[in-house]
Amino acid sequence: MRAFGFFMHQGQICMTTRRHLVDAKLAKDYAALLAEYANHVPVGDPKTGQVALGPLIDERQRKHT
């Protein structure tokens, strides 16, 4: 499964996959595979080069109300 585009840029630009068109007979298995993939995407500090998905916001923005 190629799902990287679904997580690329975390939706912060105008290029993201929002819908997956899957035959109804395959949808349950597809969703399970996508969830399994998502559970193994390395998340963390992108400066380390060890991650595929960085934070969506920084601490300053998180504190902003």
PDB file of N, CA and C in Angstrom:
ATOM      1  N   MET A   1       0.850  -1.183   0.000  1.00  0.00           N
ATOM      2  CA  MET A   1       0.000   0.000   0.000  1.00  0.00           C
ATOM      3  C   MET A   1       0.889   1.237   0.000  1.00  0.00           C
ATOM      4  N   ARG A   2       0.549   2.166  -0.850  1.00  0.00           N
ATOM      5  CA  ARG A   2       1.250   3.450  -0.893  1.00  0.00           C
ATOM      6  C   ARG A   2       0.360   4.503  -0.255  1.00  0.00           C
ATOM      7  N   ALA A   3       0.591   4.804   1.002  1.00  0.00           N
ATOM      8  CA  ALA A   3      -0.259   5.750   1.718  1.00  0.00           C
ATOM      9  C   ALA A   3       0.500   6.993   2.144  1.00  0.00           C
ATOM     10  N   PHE A   4       1.764   7.119   1.745  1.00  0.00           N
ATOM     11  CA  PHE A   4       2.562   8.242   2.207  1.00  0.00           C
ATOM     12  C   PHE A   4       1.913   9.585   1.878  1.00  0.00           C
ATOM     13  N   GLY A   5       1.312   9.705   0.694  1.00  0.00           N
ATOM     14  CA  GLY A   5       0.675  10.955   0.297  1.00  0.00           C
ATOM     15  C   GLY A   5      -0.442  11.382   1.229  1.00  0.00           C
ATOM     16  N   PHE A   6      -1.026  10.424   1.908  1.00  0.00           N
ATOM     17  CA  PHE A   6      -2.097  10.723   2.844  1.00  0.00           C
ATOM     18  C   PHE A   6      -1.565  11.479   4.059  1.00  0.00           C
ATOM     19  N   PHE A   7      -0.325  11.238   4.415  1.00  0.00           N
ATOM     20  CA  PHE A   7       0.280  11.852   5.595  1.00  0.00           C
ATOM     21  C   PHE A   7       1.251  12.977   5.251  1.00  0.00           C
ATOM     22  N   MET A   8       1.613  13.093   3.992  1.00  0.00           N
ATOM     23  CA  MET A   8       2.583  14.095   3.561  1.00  0.00           C
ATOM     24  C   MET A   8       2.071  15.504   3.847  1.00  0.00           C
ATOM     25  N   HIS A   9       2.867  16.321   4.427  1.00  0.00           N
ATOM     26  CA  HIS A   9       2.594  17.727   4.755  1.00  0.00           C
ATOM     27  C   HIS A   9       1.479  17.890   5.791  1.00  0.00           C
ATOM     28  N   GLN A  10       0.983  16.823   6.339  1.00  0.00           N
ATOM     29  CA  GLN A  10      -0.011  16.852   7.411  1.00  0.00           C
ATOM     30  C   GLN A  10      -1.184  17.776   7.105  1.00  0.00           C
ATOM     31  N   GLY A  11      -1.514  17.951   5.835  1.00  0.00           N
ATOM     32  CA  GLY A  11      -2.643  18.801   5.458  1.00  0.00           C
ATOM     33  C   GLY A  11      -2.369  20.282   5.571  1.00  0.00           C
ATOM     34  N   GLN A  12      -1.090  20.675   5.691  1.00  0.00           N
ATOM     35  CA  GLN A  12      -0.758  22.081   5.883  1.00  0.00           C
ATOM     36  C   GLN A  12      -0.553  22.824   4.577  1.00  0.00           C
ATOM     37  N   ILE A  13      -0.633  22.130   3.467  1.00  0.00           N
ATOM     38  CA  ILE A  13      -0.583  22.783   2.165  1.00  0.00           C
ATOM     39  C   ILE A  13      -1.756  22.257   1.348  1.00  0.00           C
ATOM     40  N   CYS A  14      -1.914  22.752   0.166  1.00  0.00           N
ATOM     41  CA  CYS A  14      -3.059  22.361  -0.664  1.00  0.00           C
ATOM     42  C   CYS A  14      -2.846  21.032  -1.376  1.00  0.00           C
ATOM     43  N   MET A  15      -1.914  20.242  -0.908  1.00  0.00           N
ATOM     44  CA  MET A  15      -1.649  18.950  -1.537  1.00  0.00           C
ATOM     45  C   MET A  15      -1.764  17.849  -0.490  1.00  0.00           C
ATOM     46  N   THR A  16      -2.902  17.232  -0.415  1.00  0.00           N
ATOM     47  CA  THR A  16      -3.086  16.141   0.510  1.00  0.00           C
ATOM     48  C   THR A  16      -4.182  15.233  -0.019  1.00  0.00           C
ATOM     49  N   THR A  17      -4.130  13.986   0.349  1.00  0.00           N
ATOM     50  CA  THR A  17      -5.153  13.039  -0.061  1.00  0.00           C
ATOM     51  C   THR A  17      -6.252  13.059   0.986  1.00  0.00           C
ATOM     52  N   ARG A  18      -7.431  13.421   0.607  1.00  0.00           N
ATOM     53  CA  ARG A  18      -8.534  13.468   1.558  1.00  0.00           C
ATOM     54  C   ARG A  18      -9.460  12.268   1.410  1.00  0.00           C
ATOM     55  N   ARG A  19      -9.519  11.721   0.237  1.00  0.00           N
ATOM     56  CA  ARG A  19     -10.429  10.606  -0.003  1.00  0.00           C
ATOM     57  C   ARG A  19      -9.687   9.443  -0.628  1.00  0.00           C
ATOM     58  N   HIS A  20     -10.093   8.288  -0.230  1.00  0.00           N
ATOM     59  CA  HIS A  20      -9.586   7.062  -0.829  1.00  0.00           C
ATOM     60  C   HIS A  20     -10.779   6.361  -1.455  1.00  0.00           C
ATOM     61  N   LEU A  21     -10.763   6.188  -2.743  1.00  0.00           N
ATOM     62  CA  LEU A  21     -11.864   5.517  -3.422  1.00  0.00           C
ATOM     63  C   LEU A  21     -11.539   4.026  -3.474  1.00  0.00           C
ATOM     64  N   VAL A  22     -12.333   3.258  -2.752  1.00  0.00           N
ATOM     65  CA  VAL A  22     -12.076   1.833  -2.603  1.00  0.00           C
ATOM     66  C   VAL A  22     -13.380   1.092  -2.832  1.00  0.00           C
ATOM     67  N   ASP A  23     -13.312   0.008  -3.569  1.00  0.00           N
ATOM     68  CA  ASP A  23     -14.483  -0.830  -3.781  1.00  0.00           C
ATOM     69  C   ASP A  23     -15.040  -1.266  -2.429  1.00  0.00           C
ATOM     70  N   ALA A  24     -16.358  -1.266  -2.299  1.00  0.00           N
ATOM     71  CA  ALA A  24     -17.007  -1.606  -1.025  1.00  0.00           C
ATOM     72  C   ALA A  24     -16.560  -2.963  -0.501  1.00  0.00           C
ATOM     73  N   LYS A  25     -16.282  -3.899  -1.388  1.00  0.00           N
ATOM     74  CA  LYS A  25     -15.850  -5.242  -0.962  1.00  0.00           C
ATOM     75  C   LYS A  25     -14.480  -5.215  -0.295  1.00  0.00           C
ATOM     76  N   LEU A  26     -13.700  -4.199  -0.593  1.00  0.00           N
ATOM     77  CA  LEU A  26     -12.340  -4.104  -0.060  1.00  0.00           C
ATOM     78  C   LEU A  26     -12.206  -3.081   1.068  1.00  0.00           C
ATOM     79  N   ALA A  27     -13.225  -2.285   1.292  1.00  0.00           N
ATOM     80  CA  ALA A  27     -13.125  -1.134   2.194  1.00  0.00           C
ATOM     81  C   ALA A  27     -12.682  -1.500   3.603  1.00  0.00           C
ATOM     82  N   LYS A  28     -13.238  -2.538   4.184  1.00  0.00           N
ATOM     83  CA  LYS A  28     -12.889  -2.899   5.561  1.00  0.00           C
ATOM     84  C   LYS A  28     -11.416  -3.304   5.664  1.00  0.00           C
ATOM     85  N   ASP A  29     -10.968  -4.141   4.742  1.00  0.00           N
ATOM     86  CA  ASP A  29      -9.559  -4.559   4.751  1.00  0.00           C
ATOM     87  C   ASP A  29      -8.640  -3.382   4.455  1.00  0.00           C
ATOM     88  N   TYR A  30      -9.048  -2.522   3.530  1.00  0.00           N
ATOM     89  CA  TYR A  30      -8.248  -1.356   3.186  1.00  0.00           C
ATOM     90  C   TYR A  30      -8.090  -0.435   4.390  1.00  0.00           C
ATOM     91  N   ALA A  31      -9.191  -0.183   5.089  1.00  0.00           N
ATOM     92  CA  ALA A  31      -9.140   0.677   6.273  1.00  0.00           C
ATOM     93  C   ALA A  31      -8.218   0.083   7.334  1.00  0.00           C
ATOM     94  N   ALA A  32      -8.256  -1.223   7.495  1.00  0.00           N
ATOM     95  CA  ALA A  32      -7.383  -1.876   8.474  1.00  0.00           C
ATOM     96  C   ALA A  32      -5.914  -1.728   8.070  1.00  0.00           C
ATOM     97  N   LEU A  33      -5.624  -1.898   6.794  1.00  0.00           N
ATOM     98  CA  LEU A  33      -4.243  -1.732   6.321  1.00  0.00           C
ATOM     99  C   LEU A  33      -3.768  -0.290   6.473  1.00  0.00           C
ATOM    100  N   LEU A  34      -4.642   0.660   6.191  1.00  0.00           N
ATOM    101  CA  LEU A  34      -4.285   2.072   6.333  1.00  0.00           C
ATOM    102  C   LEU A  34      -4.018   2.411   7.798  1.00  0.00           C
ATOM    103  N   ALA A  35      -4.844   1.894   8.688  1.00  0.00           N
ATOM    104  CA  ALA A  35      -4.636   2.124  10.123  1.00  0.00           C
ATOM    105  C   ALA A  35      -3.328   1.502  10.587  1.00  0.00           C
ATOM    106  N   GLU A  36      -3.020   0.320  10.104  1.00  0.00           N
ATOM    107  CA  GLU A  36      -1.758  -0.352  10.458  1.00  0.00           C
ATOM    108  C   GLU A  36      -0.577   0.482   9.980  1.00  0.00           C
ATOM    109  N   TYR A  37      -0.668   0.992   8.770  1.00  0.00           N
ATOM    110  CA  TYR A  37       0.384   1.859   8.236  1.00  0.00           C
ATOM    111  C   TYR A  37       0.548   3.098   9.130  1.00  0.00           C
ATOM    112  N   ALA A  38      -0.572   3.743   9.467  1.00  0.00           N
ATOM    113  CA  ALA A  38      -0.528   4.959  10.279  1.00  0.00           C
ATOM    114  C   ALA A  38       0.080   4.698  11.641  1.00  0.00           C
ATOM    115  N   ASN A  39      -0.158   3.537  12.199  1.00  0.00           N
ATOM    116  CA  ASN A  39       0.396   3.197  13.512  1.00  0.00           C
ATOM    117  C   ASN A  39       1.909   3.028  13.491  1.00  0.00           C
ATOM    118  N   HIS A  40       2.492   2.920  12.304  1.00  0.00           N
ATOM    119  CA  HIS A  40       3.937   2.723  12.203  1.00  0.00           C
ATOM    120  C   HIS A  40       4.673   3.888  11.544  1.00  0.00           C
ATOM    121  N   VAL A  41       3.961   4.970  11.260  1.00  0.00           N
ATOM    122  CA  VAL A  41       4.613   6.154  10.696  1.00  0.00           C
ATOM    123  C   VAL A  41       5.447   6.785  11.805  1.00  0.00           C
ATOM    124  N   PRO A  42       6.769   6.929  11.592  1.00  0.00           N
ATOM    125  CA  PRO A  42       7.602   7.526  12.633  1.00  0.00           C
ATOM    126  C   PRO A  42       7.275   9.013  12.815  1.00  0.00           C
ATOM    127  N   VAL A  43       6.909   9.386  14.028  1.00  0.00           N
ATOM    128  CA  VAL A  43       6.507  10.750  14.365  1.00  0.00           C
ATOM    129  C   VAL A  43       7.518  11.332  15.337  1.00  0.00           C
ATOM    130  N   GLY A  44       7.830  12.614  15.187  1.00  0.00           N
ATOM    131  CA  GLY A  44       8.756  13.247  16.112  1.00  0.00           C
ATOM    132  C   GLY A  44       9.361  14.512  15.546  1.00  0.00           C
ATOM    133  N   ASP A  45      10.562  14.818  15.981  1.00  0.00           N
ATOM    134  CA  ASP A  45      11.279  16.014  15.570  1.00  0.00           C
ATOM    135  C   ASP A  45      11.856  15.802  14.169  1.00  0.00           C
ATOM    136  N   PRO A  46      11.374  16.541  13.161  1.00  0.00           N
ATOM    137  CA  PRO A  46      11.866  16.333  11.798  1.00  0.00           C
ATOM    138  C   PRO A  46      13.338  16.678  11.613  1.00  0.00           C
ATOM    139  N   LYS A  47      13.930  17.420  12.547  1.00  0.00           N
ATOM    140  CA  LYS A  47      15.354  17.754  12.436  1.00  0.00           C
ATOM    141  C   LYS A  47      16.253  16.541  12.619  1.00  0.00           C
ATOM    142  N   THR A  48      15.712  15.471  13.208  1.00  0.00           N
ATOM    143  CA  THR A  48      16.531  14.277  13.432  1.00  0.00           C
ATOM    144  C   THR A  48      16.702  13.452  12.165  1.00  0.00           C
ATOM    145  N   GLY A  49      15.810  13.650  11.180  1.00  0.00           N
ATOM    146  CA  GLY A  49      15.881  12.854   9.966  1.00  0.00           C
ATOM    147  C   GLY A  49      15.363  11.439  10.170  1.00  0.00           C
ATOM    148  N   GLN A  50      14.853  11.142  11.337  1.00  0.00           N
ATOM    149  CA  GLN A  50      14.384   9.804  11.684  1.00  0.00           C
ATOM    150  C   GLN A  50      12.865   9.682  11.590  1.00  0.00           C
ATOM    151  N   VAL A  51      12.187  10.750  11.187  1.00  0.00           N
ATOM    152  CA  VAL A  51      10.730  10.763  11.245  1.00  0.00           C
ATOM    153  C   VAL A  51      10.122  11.061   9.880  1.00  0.00           C
ATOM    154  N   ALA A  52       8.888  10.676   9.717  1.00  0.00           N
ATOM    155  CA  ALA A  52       8.151  10.977   8.493  1.00  0.00           C
ATOM    156  C   ALA A  52       7.070  12.018   8.738  1.00  0.00           C
ATOM    157  N   LEU A  53       6.734  12.247   9.999  1.00  0.00           N
ATOM    158  CA  LEU A  53       5.646  13.149  10.342  1.00  0.00           C
ATOM    159  C   LEU A  53       6.054  13.977  11.549  1.00  0.00           C
ATOM    160  N   GLY A  54       6.132  15.288  11.348  1.00  0.00           N
ATOM    161  CA  GLY A  54       6.512  16.175  12.440  1.00  0.00           C
ATOM    162  C   GLY A  54       5.293  16.775  13.109  1.00  0.00           C
ATOM    163  N   PRO A  55       5.509  17.656  14.072  1.00  0.00           N
ATOM    164  CA  PRO A  55       4.389  18.270  14.775  1.00  0.00           C
ATOM    165  C   PRO A  55       3.596  19.174  13.833  1.00  0.00           C
ATOM    166  N   LEU A  56       2.312  19.274  14.094  1.00  0.00           N
ATOM    167  CA  LEU A  56       1.466  20.140  13.282  1.00  0.00           C
ATOM    168  C   LEU A  56       1.604  21.591  13.696  1.00  0.00           C
ATOM    169  N   ILE A  57       1.903  21.828  14.957  1.00  0.00           N
ATOM    170  CA  ILE A  57       2.086  23.177  15.468  1.00  0.00           C
ATOM    171  C   ILE A  57       3.259  23.168  16.444  1.00  0.00           C
ATOM    172  N   ASP A  58       3.778  24.343  16.727  1.00  0.00           N
ATOM    173  CA  ASP A  58       4.832  24.415  17.726  1.00  0.00           C
ATOM    174  C   ASP A  58       4.221  24.781  19.086  1.00  0.00           C
ATOM    175  N   GLU A  59       5.038  24.791  20.119  1.00  0.00           N
ATOM    176  CA  GLU A  59       4.549  25.037  21.476  1.00  0.00           C
ATOM    177  C   GLU A  59       3.898  26.415  21.600  1.00  0.00           C
ATOM    178  N   ARG A  60       4.496  27.427  20.987  1.00  0.00           N
ATOM    179  CA  ARG A  60       3.937  28.767  21.057  1.00  0.00           C
ATOM    180  C   ARG A  60       2.522  28.821  20.463  1.00  0.00           C
ATOM    181  N   GLN A  61       2.326  28.170  19.325  1.00  0.00           N
ATOM    182  CA  GLN A  61       1.015  28.156  18.699  1.00  0.00           C
ATOM    183  C   GLN A  61       0.019  27.354  19.536  1.00  0.00           C
ATOM    184  N   ARG A  62       0.471  26.270  20.154  1.00  0.00           N
ATOM    185  CA  ARG A  62      -0.399  25.448  20.983  1.00  0.00           C
ATOM    186  C   ARG A  62      -0.948  26.261  22.149  1.00  0.00           C
ATOM    187  N   LYS A  63      -0.124  27.151  22.703  1.00  0.00           N
ATOM    188  CA  LYS A  63      -0.542  27.953  23.848  1.00  0.00           C
ATOM    189  C   LYS A  63      -1.448  29.122  23.444  1.00  0.00           C
ATOM    190  N   HIS A  64      -1.426  29.478  22.168  1.00  0.00           N
ATOM    191  CA  HIS A  64      -2.234  30.590  21.667  1.00  0.00           C
ATOM    192  C   HIS A  64      -3.725  30.219  21.715  1.00  0.00           C
ATOM    193  N   THR A  65      -4.532  31.095  22.288  1.00  0.00           N
ATOM    194  CA  THR A  65      -5.971  30.812  22.370  1.00  0.00           C
ATOM    195  C   THR A  65      -6.780  31.718  21.483  1.00  0.00           C
TER     196      THR A  65
END
